[in-house]
C-alpha atoms as a PDB file:
ATOM      1  CA  MET A   1       0.000   0.000   0.000  1.00  0.00           C
ATOM      2  CA  VAL A   2       2.902   2.366   0.653  1.00  0.00           C
ATOM      3  CA  ALA A   3       4.152   1.960  -2.923  1.00  0.00           C
ATOM      4  CA  LEU A   4       0.631   2.519  -4.246  1.00  0.00           C
ATOM      5  CA  LYS A   5       0.280   5.661  -2.129  1.00  0.00           C
ATOM      6  CA  TRP A   6       3.627   6.944  -3.467  1.00  0.00           C
ATOM      7  CA  ILE A   7       2.497   6.311  -7.047  1.00  0.00           C
ATOM      8  CA  MET A   8      -0.881   7.965  -6.388  1.00  0.00           C
ATOM      9  CA  ASP A   9       0.873  10.995  -4.862  1.00  0.00           C
ATOM     10  CA  LYS A  10       3.068  11.298  -7.964  1.00  0.00           C
ATOM     11  CA  LEU A  11       0.024  11.007 -10.252  1.00  0.00           C
ATOM     12  CA  ARG A  12      -1.853  13.661  -8.242  1.00  0.00           C
ATOM     13  CA  ALA A  13       1.179  15.970  -8.369  1.00  0.00           C
ATOM     14  CA  ALA A  14       1.114  15.578 -12.149  1.00  0.00           C
ATOM     15  CA  GLY A  15      -2.583  16.558 -12.189  1.00  0.00           C
ATOM     16  CA  ILE A  16      -3.894  13.049 -12.871  1.00  0.00           C
ATOM     17  CA  LYS A  17      -6.818  11.286 -11.155  1.00  0.00           C
ATOM     18  CA  VAL A  18      -7.945   7.652 -11.089  1.00  0.00           C
ATOM     19  CA  PRO A  19     -11.642   6.987 -11.881  1.00  0.00           C
ATOM     20  CA  PHE A  20     -13.328   3.609 -12.066  1.00  0.00           C
ATOM     21  CA  LEU A  21     -12.981   1.363 -15.092  1.00  0.00           C
ATOM     22  CA  SER A  22     -16.400   1.295 -16.712  1.00  0.00           C
ATOM     23  CA  SER A  23     -17.810  -1.394 -18.917  1.00  0.00           C
ATOM     24  CA  SER A  24     -20.463  -0.806 -21.540  1.00  0.00           C
ATOM     25  CA  SER A  25     -21.839  -4.320 -21.107  1.00  0.00           C
ATOM     26  CA  SER A  26     -24.282  -5.204 -18.352  1.00  0.00           C
ATOM     27  CA  SER A  27     -22.099  -7.915 -16.825  1.00  0.00           C
ATOM     28  CA  THR A  28     -19.434  -7.339 -14.220  1.00  0.00           C
ATOM     29  CA  THR A  29     -15.969  -7.410 -15.724  1.00  0.00           C
ATOM     30  CA  THR A  30     -13.379  -9.527 -13.930  1.00  0.00           C
ATOM     31  CA  GLY A  31     -10.564  -7.329 -12.692  1.00  0.00           C
ATOM     32  CA  SER A  32     -12.701  -4.189 -12.717  1.00  0.00           C
ATOM     33  CA  CYS A  33     -12.408  -1.878  -9.703  1.00  0.00           C
ATOM     34  CA  CYS A  34     -16.136  -1.281  -9.579  1.00  0.00           C
ATOM     35  CA  SER A  35     -19.043  -3.642  -9.983  1.00  0.00           C
ATOM     36  CA  LYS A  36     -22.720  -3.235 -10.821  1.00  0.00           C
ATOM     37  CA  ASP A  37     -23.662  -3.665  -7.140  1.00  0.00           C
ATOM     38  CA  GLY A  38     -22.190  -0.255  -6.352  1.00  0.00           C
ATOM     39  CA  THR A  39     -18.886  -1.256  -4.779  1.00  0.00           C
ATOM     40  CA  CYS A  40     -15.256  -0.769  -5.776  1.00  0.00           C
ATOM     41  CA  SER A  41     -12.664  -3.286  -4.631  1.00  0.00           C
ATOM     42  CA  MET A  42      -9.236  -2.211  -3.475  1.00  0.00           C
ATOM     43  CA  PRO A  43      -6.410  -4.073  -5.225  1.00  0.00           C
ATOM     44  CA  ALA A  44      -4.640  -6.596  -3.002  1.00  0.00           C
ATOM     45  CA  THR A  45      -1.125  -5.813  -1.868  1.00  0.00           C
ATOM     46  CA  GLY A  46       1.208  -6.397  -4.783  1.00  0.00           C
ATOM     47  CA  GLU A  47      -1.606  -6.404  -7.361  1.00  0.00           C
ATOM     48  CA  GLN A  48      -1.967  -3.760 -10.017  1.00  0.00           C
ATOM     49  CA  SER A  49      -5.153  -1.714 -10.230  1.00  0.00           C
ATOM     50  CA  THR A  50      -7.152  -1.926 -13.453  1.00  0.00           C
ATOM     51  CA  CYS A  51      -8.456   1.616 -13.019  1.00  0.00           C
ATOM     52  CA  LYS A  52      -7.934   4.399 -15.529  1.00  0.00           C
ATOM     53  CA  VAL A  53      -6.443   7.719 -14.422  1.00  0.00           C
ATOM     54  CA  GLU A  54      -7.953  11.253 -14.372  1.00  0.00           C
ATOM     55  CA  GLN A  55      -7.691  14.369 -12.173  1.00  0.00           C
ATOM     56  CA  VAL A  56      -9.882  15.137  -9.108  1.00  0.00           C
ATOM     57  CA  SER A  57      -9.403  18.383  -7.237  1.00  0.00           C
ATOM     58  CA  LYS A  58     -10.110  18.769  -3.524  1.00  0.00           C
ATOM     59  CA  GLU A  59     -12.951  21.131  -4.458  1.00  0.00           C
ATOM     60  CA  GLU A  60     -14.631  18.324  -6.407  1.00  0.00           C
ATOM     61  CA  ARG A  61     -14.485  16.082  -3.338  1.00  0.00           C
ATOM     62  CA  VAL A  62     -15.586  18.643  -0.767  1.00  0.00           C
ATOM     63  CA  SER A  63     -18.470  21.035  -1.216  1.00  0.00           C
ATOM     64  CA  PRO A  64     -18.450  24.074   1.084  1.00  0.00           C
ATOM     65  CA  GLN A  65     -22.281  24.079   1.285  1.00  0.00           C
ATOM     66  CA  VAL A  66     -22.557  20.803   3.216  1.00  0.00           C
ATOM     67  CA  ASN A  67     -21.767  19.653   6.734  1.00  0.00           C
ATOM     68  CA  PHE A  68     -18.799  17.336   6.232  1.00  0.00           C
ATOM     69  CA  VAL A  69     -15.040  17.489   5.997  1.00  0.00           C
ATOM     70  CA  PRO A  70     -12.252  15.291   4.680  1.00  0.00           C
ATOM     71  CA  ILE A  71      -9.860  13.780   7.194  1.00  0.00           C
ATOM     72  CA  GLU A  72      -6.356  13.888   5.756  1.00  0.00           C
ATOM     73  CA  SER A  73      -4.189  12.628   8.626  1.00  0.00           C
ATOM     74  CA  MET A  74      -4.279  10.170  11.501  1.00  0.00           C
ATOM     75  CA  GLU A  75      -3.856  13.132  13.866  1.00  0.00           C
ATOM     76  CA  GLU A  76      -7.056  14.750  12.537  1.00  0.00           C
ATOM     77  CA  TRP A  77      -8.881  11.414  12.933  1.00  0.00           C
ATOM     78  CA  GLU A  78      -7.582  10.911  16.493  1.00  0.00           C
ATOM     79  CA  ASP A  79      -8.596  14.473  17.467  1.00  0.00           C
ATOM     80  CA  LEU A  80     -12.098  13.890  16.109  1.00  0.00           C
ATOM     81  CA  VAL A  81     -12.405  10.549  17.934  1.00  0.00           C
ATOM     82  CA  LYS A  82     -11.244  12.175  21.184  1.00  0.00           C
ATOM     83  CA  LYS A  83     -13.889  14.917  20.853  1.00  0.00           C
ATOM     84  CA  SER A  84     -16.526  12.269  20.139  1.00  0.00           C
ATOM     85  CA  GLU A  85     -15.522  10.353  23.277  1.00  0.00           C
ATOM     86  CA  GLU A  86     -15.657  13.531  25.372  1.00  0.00           C
ATOM     87  CA  ASN A  87     -19.057  14.763  24.202  1.00  0.00           C
ATOM     88  CA  GLY A  88     -20.777  11.521  23.112  1.00  0.00           C
ATOM     89  CA  SER A  89     -21.259  12.728  19.545  1.00  0.00           C
ATOM     90  CA  LYS A  90     -21.440  10.386  16.560  1.00  0.00           C
ATOM     91  CA  ILE A  91     -19.158  10.318  13.525  1.00  0.00           C
ATOM     92  CA  VAL A  92     -20.392   9.103  10.138  1.00  0.00           C
ATOM     93  CA  VAL A  93     -17.540   8.106   7.842  1.00  0.00           C
ATOM     94  CA  ASP A  94     -17.490   7.732   4.063  1.00  0.00           C
ATOM     95  CA  PHE A  95     -14.449   5.681   3.031  1.00  0.00           C
ATOM     96  CA  THR A  96     -14.061   6.713  -0.585  1.00  0.00           C
ATOM     97  CA  ALA A  97     -11.598   6.899  -3.458  1.00  0.00           C
ATOM     98  CA  SER A  98     -11.240   9.478  -6.208  1.00  0.00           C
ATOM     99  CA  TRP A  99     -11.373   6.721  -8.857  1.00  0.00           C
ATOM    100  CA  CYS A 100     -14.533   5.024  -7.516  1.00  0.00           C
ATOM    101  CA  GLY A 101     -17.617   5.569  -9.700  1.00  0.00           C
ATOM    102  CA  PRO A 102     -20.195   4.351  -7.140  1.00  0.00           C
ATOM    103  CA  CYS A 103     -18.549   6.652  -4.563  1.00  0.00           C
ATOM    104  CA  LYS A 104     -19.134   9.632  -6.844  1.00  0.00           C
ATOM    105  CA  LYS A 105     -22.696   8.508  -7.540  1.00  0.00           C
ATOM    106  CA  ILE A 106     -23.731   8.377  -3.868  1.00  0.00           C
ATOM    107  CA  ALA A 107     -21.734  11.469  -2.788  1.00  0.00           C
ATOM    108  CA  PRO A 108     -24.617  13.978  -3.257  1.00  0.00           C
ATOM    109  CA  PHE A 109     -26.916  11.758  -1.166  1.00  0.00           C
ATOM    110  CA  TYR A 110     -24.283  11.477   1.579  1.00  0.00           C
ATOM    111  CA  GLU A 111     -23.899  15.266   1.513  1.00  0.00           C
ATOM    112  CA  ALA A 112     -27.671  15.678   1.883  1.00  0.00           C
ATOM    113  CA  LEU A 113     -27.686  13.324   4.885  1.00  0.00           C
ATOM    114  CA  SER A 114     -25.033  15.470   6.536  1.00  0.00           C
ATOM    115  CA  ALA A 115     -27.453  18.398   6.512  1.00  0.00           C
ATOM    116  CA  SER A 116     -30.244  16.321   8.113  1.00  0.00           C
ATOM    117  CA  TYR A 117     -28.553  14.345  10.894  1.00  0.00           C
ATOM    118  CA  ASP A 118     -26.821  15.527  14.081  1.00  0.00           C
ATOM    119  CA  ALA A 119     -23.384  13.972  13.614  1.00  0.00           C
ATOM    120  CA  THR A 120     -20.003  14.842  12.210  1.00  0.00           C
ATOM    121  CA  PHE A 121     -19.899  13.569   8.621  1.00  0.00           C
ATOM    122  CA  ILE A 122     -16.440  12.988   7.215  1.00  0.00           C
ATOM    123  CA  LYS A 123     -14.845  11.648   4.069  1.00  0.00           C
ATOM    124  CA  ILE A 124     -11.684   9.586   4.107  1.00  0.00           C
ATOM    125  CA  ASP A 125      -9.834   8.941   0.867  1.00  0.00           C
ATOM    126  CA  VAL A 126      -8.527   5.380   1.254  1.00  0.00           C
ATOM    127  CA  ASP A 127      -5.578   6.120  -1.026  1.00  0.00           C
ATOM    128  CA  GLU A 128      -4.474   9.088   1.066  1.00  0.00           C
ATOM    129  CA  LEU A 129      -5.142   7.567   4.494  1.00  0.00           C
ATOM    130  CA  ASP A 130      -4.627   3.852   3.931  1.00  0.00           C
ATOM    131  CA  GLU A 131      -3.642   3.256   7.574  1.00  0.00           C
ATOM    132  CA  LEU A 132      -7.122   4.237   8.761  1.00  0.00           C
ATOM    133  CA  ALA A 133      -8.795   2.263   5.959  1.00  0.00           C
ATOM    134  CA  GLU A 134      -6.843  -0.817   7.050  1.00  0.00           C
ATOM    135  CA  GLN A 135      -7.790  -0.249  10.723  1.00  0.00           C
ATOM    136  CA  ALA A 136     -11.453  -0.099   9.713  1.00  0.00           C
ATOM    137  CA  LYS A 137     -11.032  -3.227   7.553  1.00  0.00           C
ATOM    138  CA  VAL A 138     -12.240  -1.460   4.409  1.00  0.00           C
ATOM    139  CA  SER A 139     -11.989  -3.776   1.414  1.00  0.00           C
ATOM    140  CA  MET A 140     -14.341  -2.058  -1.025  1.00  0.00           C
ATOM    141  CA  MET A 141     -15.740   1.371  -1.691  1.00  0.00           C
ATOM    142  CA  PRO A 142     -17.847   3.069  -0.847  1.00  0.00           C
ATOM    143  CA  THR A 143     -17.842   1.859   2.755  1.00  0.00           C
ATOM    144  CA  PHE A 144     -19.752   3.820   5.369  1.00  0.00           C
ATOM    145  CA  ALA A 145     -19.421   3.495   9.140  1.00  0.00           C
ATOM    146  CA  VAL A 146     -20.920   5.104  12.229  1.00  0.00           C
ATOM    147  CA  TYR A 147     -18.620   5.632  15.205  1.00  0.00           C
ATOM    148  CA  GLN A 148     -19.034   6.890  18.735  1.00  0.00           C
ATOM    149  CA  GLY A 149     -15.529   7.574  19.909  1.00  0.00           C
ATOM    150  CA  LYS A 150     -13.353   4.582  19.039  1.00  0.00           C
ATOM    151  CA  ASN A 151     -16.349   2.246  18.840  1.00  0.00           C
ATOM    152  CA  GLN A 152     -17.557   1.370  15.374  1.00  0.00           C
ATOM    153  CA  LEU A 153     -21.321   0.990  15.829  1.00  0.00           C
ATOM    154  CA  GLU A 154     -22.123  -0.234  12.319  1.00  0.00           C
ATOM    155  CA  LYS A 155     -20.509  -0.525   8.885  1.00  0.00           C
ATOM    156  CA  MET A 156     -21.865  -1.130   5.385  1.00  0.00           C
ATOM    157  CA  SER A 157     -20.458  -1.234   1.863  1.00  0.00           C
ATOM    158  CA  GLY A 158     -22.080  -0.239  -1.404  1.00  0.00           C
ATOM    159  CA  ALA A 159     -23.855   2.746  -2.913  1.00  0.00           C
ATOM    160  CA  ASN A 160     -27.336   1.873  -1.626  1.00  0.00           C
ATOM    161  CA  GLU A 161     -29.063   5.074  -0.487  1.00  0.00           C
ATOM    162  CA  GLY A 162     -31.828   3.277   1.440  1.00  0.00           C
ATOM    163  CA  LYS A 163     -29.407   1.126   3.421  1.00  0.00           C
ATOM    164  CA  LEU A 164     -27.151   4.103   4.112  1.00  0.00           C
ATOM    165  CA  GLU A 165     -29.976   6.244   5.470  1.00  0.00           C
ATOM    166  CA  ALA A 166     -31.312   3.308   7.517  1.00  0.00           C
ATOM    167  CA  MET A 167     -27.889   2.805   9.089  1.00  0.00           C
ATOM    168  CA  VAL A 168     -27.460   6.506   9.863  1.00  0.00           C
ATOM    169  CA  SER A 169     -30.999   6.912  11.240  1.00  0.00           C
ATOM    170  CA  THR A 170     -30.514   3.898  13.536  1.00  0.00           C
ATOM    171  CA  HIS A 171     -27.621   5.590  15.336  1.00  0.00           C
ATOM    172  CA  VAL A 172     -27.982   9.347  14.769  1.00  0.00           C
ATOM    173  CA  ALA A 173     -30.803  11.768  15.620  1.00  0.00           C
ATOM    174  CA  LYS A 174     -32.218  14.043  12.934  1.00  0.00           C
ATOM    175  CA  PHE A 175     -31.904  17.812  13.258  1.00  0.00           C
ATOM    176  CA  LYS A 176     -35.168  19.389  14.366  1.00  0.00           C
END
């Protein structure tokens, strides 16, 4: 993963991003990052990704109009977890990747949820913060999880809006 992160950093520095490999047929293509069920698989250690490359700016990943932020370091994550432990607040996490098509598809829905529920909504790019993705045992994207402090209350994978809202509403109160 370290070598992959180094390569991804070099690609980003060159202005290149990595989207999902799409197929025009209706069947799932073996070796594709993303499948029809709305998940993207991370390549195993030592395996090469089959994803194409294109640029994604931070502005494309984070909209200033919504109530969520990206976490870009373990220190930021640990600070957020500490605050959650102190005040009992919930954290809703979107483990995403710039190259993941289903992640991009569900992003507006996730952003809308952040405006409706009383929790801290964050995005974690698995390529930029692979240590946290490994801790959370993320193997495909998008993966969503609800935390209270260090405790992961629930986790789900896939770009299913109904399941995502059901998971969030089970653990987080709506704004009034």
